[in-house]
């Protein structure tokens, strides 16, 4: 059995990879938030809107927006570390 050389990722490369991943996740959450906003607007436009469904979607949307805000703060911090050290 041949031993394979283990390639190690530099700290800067790892942080850049994590930042790229965080940007993708933030974009995914923003797209999902937009979709939920459209769905909520559609439900509210119905003649007899399902208030429970709307409330559940609004709660999910608020949670998602809070997650985006938190992720953006973390990404900003990570990008500062990268710019100062890499």
PDB file of N, CA and C in Angstrom:
ATOM      1  N   UNK A   1       0.847  -1.171   0.000  1.00  0.00           N
ATOM      2  CA  UNK A   1       0.000   0.000   0.000  1.00  0.00           C
ATOM      3  C   UNK A   1       0.892   1.232   0.000  1.00  0.00           C
ATOM      4  N   UNK A   2       0.714   2.093  -0.972  1.00  0.00           N
ATOM      5  CA  UNK A   2       1.549   3.286  -1.097  1.00  0.00           C
ATOM      6  C   UNK A   2       0.988   4.403  -0.227  1.00  0.00           C
ATOM      7  N   UNK A   3       1.868   5.057   0.467  1.00  0.00           N
ATOM      8  CA  UNK A   3       1.462   6.190   1.299  1.00  0.00           C
ATOM      9  C   UNK A   3       1.344   7.430   0.418  1.00  0.00           C
ATOM     10  N   UNK A   4       0.264   8.153   0.593  1.00  0.00           N
ATOM     11  CA  UNK A   4       0.073   9.379  -0.173  1.00  0.00           C
ATOM     12  C   UNK A   4       0.513  10.565   0.675  1.00  0.00           C
ATOM     13  N   UNK A   5       1.120  11.523   0.023  1.00  0.00           N
ATOM     14  CA  UNK A   5       1.531  12.730   0.727  1.00  0.00           C
ATOM     15  C   UNK A   5       0.286  13.529   1.110  1.00  0.00           C
ATOM     16  N   UNK A   6       0.270  13.964   2.328  1.00  0.00           N
ATOM     17  CA  UNK A   6      -0.856  14.756   2.806  1.00  0.00           C
ATOM     18  C   UNK A   6      -0.580  16.217   2.476  1.00  0.00           C
ATOM     19  N   UNK A   7      -1.486  16.814   1.731  1.00  0.00           N
ATOM     20  CA  UNK A   7      -1.322  18.223   1.399  1.00  0.00           C
ATOM     21  C   UNK A   7      -2.013  19.048   2.472  1.00  0.00           C
ATOM     22  N   UNK A   8      -1.291  19.990   2.981  1.00  0.00           N
ATOM     23  CA  UNK A   8      -1.844  20.852   4.016  1.00  0.00           C
ATOM     24  C   UNK A   8      -2.199  22.198   3.407  1.00  0.00           C
ATOM     25  N   UNK A   9      -3.327  22.684   3.820  1.00  0.00           N
ATOM     26  CA  UNK A   9      -3.805  23.972   3.351  1.00  0.00           C
ATOM     27  C   UNK A   9      -3.215  25.060   4.255  1.00  0.00           C
ATOM     28  N   UNK A  10      -2.729  26.122   3.656  1.00  0.00           N
ATOM     29  CA  UNK A  10      -2.186  27.216   4.466  1.00  0.00           C
ATOM     30  C   UNK A  10      -3.331  27.895   5.220  1.00  0.00           C
ATOM     31  N   UNK A  11      -3.032  28.535   6.342  1.00  0.00           N
ATOM     32  CA  UNK A  11      -4.086  29.245   7.080  1.00  0.00           C
ATOM     33  C   UNK A  11      -4.801  30.293   6.223  1.00  0.00           C
ATOM     34  N   UNK A  12      -4.038  31.005   5.394  1.00  0.00           N
ATOM     35  CA  UNK A  12      -4.658  32.020   4.532  1.00  0.00           C
ATOM     36  C   UNK A  12      -5.594  31.380   3.503  1.00  0.00           C
ATOM     37  N   UNK A  13      -5.159  30.280   2.919  1.00  0.00           N
ATOM     38  CA  UNK A  13      -6.003  29.584   1.944  1.00  0.00           C
ATOM     39  C   UNK A  13      -7.269  29.058   2.610  1.00  0.00           C
ATOM     40  N   UNK A  14      -7.125  28.544   3.828  1.00  0.00           N
ATOM     41  CA  UNK A  14      -8.281  28.034   4.558  1.00  0.00           C
ATOM     42  C   UNK A  14      -9.272  29.171   4.849  1.00  0.00           C
ATOM     43  N   UNK A  15      -8.757  30.321   5.282  1.00  0.00           N
ATOM     44  CA  UNK A  15      -9.644  31.447   5.583  1.00  0.00           C
ATOM     45  C   UNK A  15     -10.325  31.958   4.319  1.00  0.00           C
ATOM     46  N   UNK A  16      -9.603  31.994   3.208  1.00  0.00           N
ATOM     47  CA  UNK A  16     -10.214  32.427   1.941  1.00  0.00           C
ATOM     48  C   UNK A  16     -11.310  31.456   1.505  1.00  0.00           C
ATOM     49  N   UNK A  17     -11.047  30.165   1.688  1.00  0.00           N
ATOM     50  CA  UNK A  17     -12.053  29.152   1.345  1.00  0.00           C
ATOM     51  C   UNK A  17     -13.289  29.318   2.224  1.00  0.00           C
ATOM     52  N   UNK A  18     -13.076  29.558   3.519  1.00  0.00           N
ATOM     53  CA  UNK A  18     -14.201  29.756   4.437  1.00  0.00           C
ATOM     54  C   UNK A  18     -14.988  31.016   4.084  1.00  0.00           C
ATOM     55  N   UNK A  19     -14.292  32.077   3.701  1.00  0.00           N
ATOM     56  CA  UNK A  19     -14.966  33.317   3.310  1.00  0.00           C
ATOM     57  C   UNK A  19     -15.818  33.094   2.058  1.00  0.00           C
ATOM     58  N   UNK A  20     -15.274  32.359   1.107  1.00  0.00           N
ATOM     59  CA  UNK A  20     -16.018  32.057  -0.125  1.00  0.00           C
ATOM     60  C   UNK A  20     -17.269  31.244   0.197  1.00  0.00           C
ATOM     61  N   UNK A  21     -17.121  30.280   1.074  1.00  0.00           N
ATOM     62  CA  UNK A  21     -18.252  29.456   1.489  1.00  0.00           C
ATOM     63  C   UNK A  21     -19.303  30.306   2.209  1.00  0.00           C
ATOM     64  N   UNK A  22     -18.852  31.217   3.066  1.00  0.00           N
ATOM     65  CA  UNK A  22     -19.779  32.091   3.792  1.00  0.00           C
ATOM     66  C   UNK A  22     -20.536  32.998   2.827  1.00  0.00           C
ATOM     67  N   UNK A  23     -19.848  33.522   1.812  1.00  0.00           N
ATOM     68  CA  UNK A  23     -20.521  34.366   0.817  1.00  0.00           C
ATOM     69  C   UNK A  23     -21.616  33.591   0.082  1.00  0.00           C
ATOM     70  N   UNK A  24     -21.308  32.339  -0.271  1.00  0.00           N
ATOM     71  CA  UNK A  24     -22.310  31.496  -0.949  1.00  0.00           C
ATOM     72  C   UNK A  24     -23.514  31.260  -0.042  1.00  0.00           C
ATOM     73  N   UNK A  25     -23.263  30.980   1.234  1.00  0.00           N
ATOM     74  CA  UNK A  25     -24.357  30.719   2.174  1.00  0.00           C
ATOM     75  C   UNK A  25     -25.209  31.973   2.385  1.00  0.00           C
ATOM     76  N   UNK A  26     -24.574  33.117   2.486  1.00  0.00           N
ATOM     77  CA  UNK A  26     -25.320  34.372   2.637  1.00  0.00           C
ATOM     78  C   UNK A  26     -26.197  34.604   1.411  1.00  0.00           C
ATOM     79  N   UNK A  27     -25.668  34.368   0.233  1.00  0.00           N
ATOM     80  CA  UNK A  27     -26.449  34.540  -0.995  1.00  0.00           C
ATOM     81  C   UNK A  27     -27.622  33.559  -1.026  1.00  0.00           C
ATOM     82  N   UNK A  28     -27.385  32.335  -0.605  1.00  0.00           N
ATOM     83  CA  UNK A  28     -28.453  31.336  -0.576  1.00  0.00           C
ATOM     84  C   UNK A  28     -29.567  31.774   0.377  1.00  0.00           C
ATOM     85  N   UNK A  29     -29.177  32.265   1.556  1.00  0.00           N
ATOM     86  CA  UNK A  29     -30.166  32.716   2.533  1.00  0.00           C
ATOM     87  C   UNK A  29     -30.936  33.936   2.028  1.00  0.00           C
ATOM     88  N   UNK A  30     -30.255  34.845   1.354  1.00  0.00           N
ATOM     89  CA  UNK A  30     -30.942  36.018   0.787  1.00  0.00           C
ATOM     90  C   UNK A  30     -31.952  35.597  -0.278  1.00  0.00           C
ATOM     91  N   UNK A  31     -31.562  34.668  -1.132  1.00  0.00           N
ATOM     92  CA  UNK A  31     -32.484  34.179  -2.165  1.00  0.00           C
ATOM     93  C   UNK A  31     -33.691  33.501  -1.535  1.00  0.00           C
ATOM     94  N   UNK A  32     -33.447  32.699  -0.514  1.00  0.00           N
ATOM     95  CA  UNK A  32     -34.548  32.023   0.183  1.00  0.00           C
ATOM     96  C   UNK A  32     -35.443  33.049   0.875  1.00  0.00           C
ATOM     97  N   UNK A  33     -34.858  34.096   1.439  1.00  0.00           N
ATOM     98  CA  UNK A  33     -35.641  35.159   2.078  1.00  0.00           C
ATOM     99  C   UNK A  33     -36.550  35.841   1.060  1.00  0.00           C
ATOM    100  N   UNK A  34     -36.018  36.120  -0.110  1.00  0.00           N
ATOM    101  CA  UNK A  34     -36.824  36.744  -1.170  1.00  0.00           C
ATOM    102  C   UNK A  34     -37.979  35.840  -1.576  1.00  0.00           C
ATOM    103  N   UNK A  35     -37.689  34.546  -1.671  1.00  0.00           N
ATOM    104  CA  UNK A  35     -38.737  33.592  -2.027  1.00  0.00           C
ATOM    105  C   UNK A  35     -39.831  33.582  -0.960  1.00  0.00           C
ATOM    106  N   UNK A  36     -39.431  33.594   0.316  1.00  0.00           N
ATOM    107  CA  UNK A  36     -40.410  33.602   1.404  1.00  0.00           C
ATOM    108  C   UNK A  36     -41.234  34.888   1.400  1.00  0.00           C
ATOM    109  N   UNK A  37     -40.582  36.020   1.146  1.00  0.00           N
ATOM    110  CA  UNK A  37     -41.317  37.285   1.080  1.00  0.00           C
ATOM    111  C   UNK A  37     -42.379  37.237  -0.012  1.00  0.00           C
ATOM    112  N   UNK A  38     -42.038  36.662  -1.150  1.00  0.00           N
ATOM    113  CA  UNK A  38     -43.006  36.528  -2.247  1.00  0.00           C
ATOM    114  C   UNK A  38     -44.151  35.609  -1.854  1.00  0.00           C
ATOM    115  N   UNK A  39     -43.805  34.510  -1.194  1.00  0.00           N
ATOM    116  CA  UNK A  39     -44.834  33.562  -0.765  1.00  0.00           C
ATOM    117  C   UNK A  39     -45.768  34.199   0.261  1.00  0.00           C
ATOM    118  N   UNK A  40     -45.211  34.966   1.188  1.00  0.00           N
ATOM    119  CA  UNK A  40     -46.029  35.651   2.196  1.00  0.00           C
ATOM    120  C   UNK A  40     -46.959  36.654   1.520  1.00  0.00           C
ATOM    121  N   UNK A  41     -46.430  37.431   0.588  1.00  0.00           N
ATOM    122  CA  UNK A  41     -47.250  38.410  -0.133  1.00  0.00           C
ATOM    123  C   UNK A  41     -48.375  37.715  -0.890  1.00  0.00           C
ATOM    124  N   UNK A  42     -48.060  36.582  -1.509  1.00  0.00           N
ATOM    125  CA  UNK A  42     -49.079  35.823  -2.240  1.00  0.00           C
ATOM    126  C   UNK A  42     -50.172  35.341  -1.288  1.00  0.00           C
ATOM    127  N   UNK A  43     -49.771  34.784  -0.143  1.00  0.00           N
ATOM    128  CA  UNK A  43     -50.755  34.289   0.821  1.00  0.00           C
ATOM    129  C   UNK A  43     -51.619  35.420   1.372  1.00  0.00           C
ATOM    130  N   UNK A  44     -51.010  36.565   1.626  1.00  0.00           N
ATOM    131  CA  UNK A  44     -51.771  37.706   2.151  1.00  0.00           C
ATOM    132  C   UNK A  44     -52.763  38.233   1.126  1.00  0.00           C
ATOM    133  N   UNK A  45     -52.494  38.010  -0.146  1.00  0.00           N
ATOM    134  CA  UNK A  45     -53.374  38.466  -1.209  1.00  0.00           C
ATOM    135  C   UNK A  45     -54.572  37.563  -1.451  1.00  0.00           C
ATOM    136  N   UNK A  46     -54.610  36.422  -0.789  1.00  0.00           N
ATOM    137  CA  UNK A  46     -55.726  35.493  -0.951  1.00  0.00           C
ATOM    138  C   UNK A  46     -56.985  36.063  -0.291  1.00  0.00           C
ATOM    139  N   UNK A  47     -58.177  35.685  -0.770  1.00  0.00           N
ATOM    140  CA  UNK A  47     -59.424  36.180  -0.185  1.00  0.00           C
ATOM    141  C   UNK A  47     -59.565  35.821   1.302  1.00  0.00           C
ATOM    142  N   UNK A  48     -59.147  34.629   1.669  1.00  0.00           N
ATOM    143  CA  UNK A  48     -59.232  34.190   3.066  1.00  0.00           C
ATOM    144  C   UNK A  48     -57.853  33.657   3.464  1.00  0.00           C
ATOM    145  N   UNK A  49     -56.913  34.561   3.773  1.00  0.00           N
ATOM    146  CA  UNK A  49     -55.535  34.123   4.020  1.00  0.00           C
ATOM    147  C   UNK A  49     -55.403  33.236   5.257  1.00  0.00           C
ATOM    148  N   UNK A  50     -54.530  32.260   5.156  1.00  0.00           N
ATOM    149  CA  UNK A  50     -54.239  31.353   6.268  1.00  0.00           C
ATOM    150  C   UNK A  50     -53.261  32.063   7.201  1.00  0.00           C
ATOM    151  N   UNK A  51     -53.798  32.637   8.269  1.00  0.00           N
ATOM    152  CA  UNK A  51     -52.986  33.447   9.178  1.00  0.00           C
ATOM    153  C   UNK A  51     -51.898  32.632   9.877  1.00  0.00           C
ATOM    154  N   UNK A  52     -52.193  31.381  10.194  1.00  0.00           N
ATOM    155  CA  UNK A  52     -51.189  30.537  10.857  1.00  0.00           C
ATOM    156  C   UNK A  52     -50.006  30.273   9.929  1.00  0.00           C
ATOM    157  N   UNK A  53     -50.302  29.990   8.676  1.00  0.00           N
ATOM    158  CA  UNK A  53     -49.236  29.745   7.700  1.00  0.00           C
ATOM    159  C   UNK A  53     -48.415  31.010   7.484  1.00  0.00           C
ATOM    160  N   UNK A  54     -49.092  32.142   7.401  1.00  0.00           N
ATOM    161  CA  UNK A  54     -48.393  33.415   7.213  1.00  0.00           C
ATOM    162  C   UNK A  54     -47.499  33.713   8.412  1.00  0.00           C
ATOM    163  N   UNK A  55     -48.024  33.512   9.615  1.00  0.00           N
ATOM    164  CA  UNK A  55     -47.237  33.766  10.831  1.00  0.00           C
ATOM    165  C   UNK A  55     -46.013  32.860  10.890  1.00  0.00           C
ATOM    166  N   UNK A  56     -46.183  31.600  10.505  1.00  0.00           N
ATOM    167  CA  UNK A  56     -45.054  30.659  10.518  1.00  0.00           C
ATOM    168  C   UNK A  56     -43.988  31.085   9.512  1.00  0.00           C
ATOM    169  N   UNK A  57     -44.422  31.498   8.327  1.00  0.00           N
ATOM    170  CA  UNK A  57     -43.474  31.949   7.304  1.00  0.00           C
ATOM    171  C   UNK A  57     -42.773  33.238   7.731  1.00  0.00           C
ATOM    172  N   UNK A  58     -43.525  34.146   8.363  1.00  0.00           N
ATOM    173  CA  UNK A  58     -42.920  35.393   8.827  1.00  0.00           C
ATOM    174  C   UNK A  58     -41.891  35.134   9.923  1.00  0.00           C
ATOM    175  N   UNK A  59     -42.173  34.167  10.789  1.00  0.00           N
ATOM    176  CA  UNK A  59     -41.214  33.806  11.834  1.00  0.00           C
ATOM    177  C   UNK A  59     -39.953  33.206  11.205  1.00  0.00           C
ATOM    178  N   UNK A  60     -40.143  32.341  10.238  1.00  0.00           N
ATOM    179  CA  UNK A  60     -39.005  31.734   9.535  1.00  0.00           C
ATOM    180  C   UNK A  60     -38.185  32.800   8.811  1.00  0.00           C
ATOM    181  N   UNK A  61     -38.874  33.760   8.189  1.00  0.00           N
ATOM    182  CA  UNK A  61     -38.207  34.850   7.484  1.00  0.00           C
ATOM    183  C   UNK A  61     -37.388  35.706   8.454  1.00  0.00           C
ATOM    184  N   UNK A  62     -37.955  36.027   9.602  1.00  0.00           N
ATOM    185  CA  UNK A  62     -37.235  36.827  10.597  1.00  0.00           C
ATOM    186  C   UNK A  62     -35.988  36.096  11.074  1.00  0.00           C
ATOM    187  N   UNK A  63     -36.122  34.804  11.292  1.00  0.00           N
ATOM    188  CA  UNK A  63     -34.981  33.995  11.719  1.00  0.00           C
ATOM    189  C   UNK A  63     -33.900  33.975  10.640  1.00  0.00           C
ATOM    190  N   UNK A  64     -34.319  33.844   9.400  1.00  0.00           N
ATOM    191  CA  UNK A  64     -33.380  33.803   8.284  1.00  0.00           C
ATOM    192  C   UNK A  64     -32.647  35.134   8.138  1.00  0.00           C
ATOM    193  N   UNK A  65     -33.377  36.242   8.284  1.00  0.00           N
ATOM    194  CA  UNK A  65     -32.754  37.560   8.182  1.00  0.00           C
ATOM    195  C   UNK A  65     -31.755  37.780   9.318  1.00  0.00           C
ATOM    196  N   UNK A  66     -32.086  37.298  10.512  1.00  0.00           N
ATOM    197  CA  UNK A  66     -31.152  37.402  11.637  1.00  0.00           C
ATOM    198  C   UNK A  66     -29.897  36.585  11.360  1.00  0.00           C
ATOM    199  N   UNK A  67     -30.068  35.418  10.752  1.00  0.00           N
ATOM    200  CA  UNK A  67     -28.922  34.572  10.408  1.00  0.00           C
ATOM    201  C   UNK A  67     -28.032  35.255   9.375  1.00  0.00           C
ATOM    202  N   UNK A  68     -28.645  35.895   8.385  1.00  0.00           N
ATOM    203  CA  UNK A  68     -27.879  36.619   7.366  1.00  0.00           C
ATOM    204  C   UNK A  68     -27.059  37.725   8.027  1.00  0.00           C
ATOM    205  N   UNK A  69     -27.693  38.466   8.921  1.00  0.00           N
ATOM    206  CA  UNK A  69     -26.993  39.554   9.609  1.00  0.00           C
ATOM    207  C   UNK A  69     -25.803  39.024  10.411  1.00  0.00           C
ATOM    208  N   UNK A  70     -26.019  37.942  11.126  1.00  0.00           N
ATOM    209  CA  UNK A  70     -24.946  37.336  11.917  1.00  0.00           C
ATOM    210  C   UNK A  70     -23.826  36.823  11.004  1.00  0.00           C
ATOM    211  N   UNK A  71     -24.198  36.166   9.922  1.00  0.00           N
ATOM    212  CA  UNK A  71     -23.203  35.639   8.984  1.00  0.00           C
ATOM    213  C   UNK A  71     -22.402  36.766   8.326  1.00  0.00           C
ATOM    214  N   UNK A  72     -23.077  37.879   8.020  1.00  0.00           N
ATOM    215  CA  UNK A  72     -22.376  39.013   7.415  1.00  0.00           C
ATOM    216  C   UNK A  72     -21.353  39.611   8.384  1.00  0.00           C
ATOM    217  N   UNK A  73     -21.707  39.693   9.662  1.00  0.00           N
ATOM    218  CA  UNK A  73     -20.757  40.196  10.660  1.00  0.00           C
ATOM    219  C   UNK A  73     -19.550  39.272  10.777  1.00  0.00           C
ATOM    220  N   UNK A  74     -19.810  37.978  10.798  1.00  0.00           N
ATOM    221  CA  UNK A  74     -18.714  37.007  10.870  1.00  0.00           C
ATOM    222  C   UNK A  74     -17.828  37.092   9.635  1.00  0.00           C
ATOM    223  N   UNK A  75     -18.446  37.232   8.472  1.00  0.00           N
ATOM    224  CA  UNK A  75     -17.686  37.346   7.228  1.00  0.00           C
ATOM    225  C   UNK A  75     -16.840  38.616   7.229  1.00  0.00           C
ATOM    226  N   UNK A  76     -17.413  39.725   7.688  1.00  0.00           N
ATOM    227  CA  UNK A  76     -16.645  40.972   7.759  1.00  0.00           C
ATOM    228  C   UNK A  76     -15.407  40.802   8.632  1.00  0.00           C
ATOM    229  N   UNK A  77     -15.585  40.156   9.775  1.00  0.00           N
ATOM    230  CA  UNK A  77     -14.458  39.914  10.677  1.00  0.00           C
ATOM    231  C   UNK A  77     -13.410  39.043  10.003  1.00  0.00           C
ATOM    232  N   UNK A  78     -13.856  37.977   9.365  1.00  0.00           N
ATOM    233  CA  UNK A  78     -12.933  37.076   8.680  1.00  0.00           C
ATOM    234  C   UNK A  78     -12.177  37.802   7.570  1.00  0.00           C
ATOM    235  N   UNK A  79     -12.878  38.622   6.803  1.00  0.00           N
ATOM    236  CA  UNK A  79     -12.227  39.360   5.724  1.00  0.00           C
ATOM    237  C   UNK A  79     -11.214  40.371   6.263  1.00  0.00           C
ATOM    238  N   UNK A  80     -11.482  40.949   7.425  1.00  0.00           N
ATOM    239  CA  UNK A  80     -10.507  41.854   8.049  1.00  0.00           C
ATOM    240  C   UNK A  80      -9.250  41.094   8.445  1.00  0.00           C
ATOM    241  N   UNK A  81      -9.440  39.918   9.020  1.00  0.00           N
ATOM    242  CA  UNK A  81      -8.296  39.090   9.415  1.00  0.00           C
ATOM    243  C   UNK A  81      -7.478  38.712   8.182  1.00  0.00           C
ATOM    244  N   UNK A  82      -8.156  38.342   7.114  1.00  0.00           N
ATOM    245  CA  UNK A  82      -7.459  37.977   5.873  1.00  0.00           C
ATOM    246  C   UNK A  82      -6.667  39.166   5.344  1.00  0.00           C
ATOM    247  N   UNK A  83      -7.296  40.334   5.298  1.00  0.00           N
ATOM    248  CA  UNK A  83      -6.604  41.502   4.734  1.00  0.00           C
ATOM    249  C   UNK A  83      -5.421  41.938   5.599  1.00  0.00           C
ATOM    250  N   UNK A  84      -5.499  41.721   6.892  1.00  0.00           N
ATOM    251  CA  UNK A  84      -4.406  42.118   7.782  1.00  0.00           C
ATOM    252  C   UNK A  84      -3.263  41.107   7.810  1.00  0.00           C
ATOM    253  N   UNK A  85      -3.563  39.846   7.530  1.00  0.00           N
ATOM    254  CA  UNK A  85      -2.566  38.799   7.742  1.00  0.00           C
ATOM    255  C   UNK A  85      -2.146  38.021   6.504  1.00  0.00           C
ATOM    256  N   UNK A  86      -2.825  38.204   5.401  1.00  0.00           N
ATOM    257  CA  UNK A  86      -2.498  37.365   4.239  1.00  0.00           C
ATOM    258  C   UNK A  86      -2.007  38.175   3.059  1.00  0.00           C
TER     259      UNK A  86
END
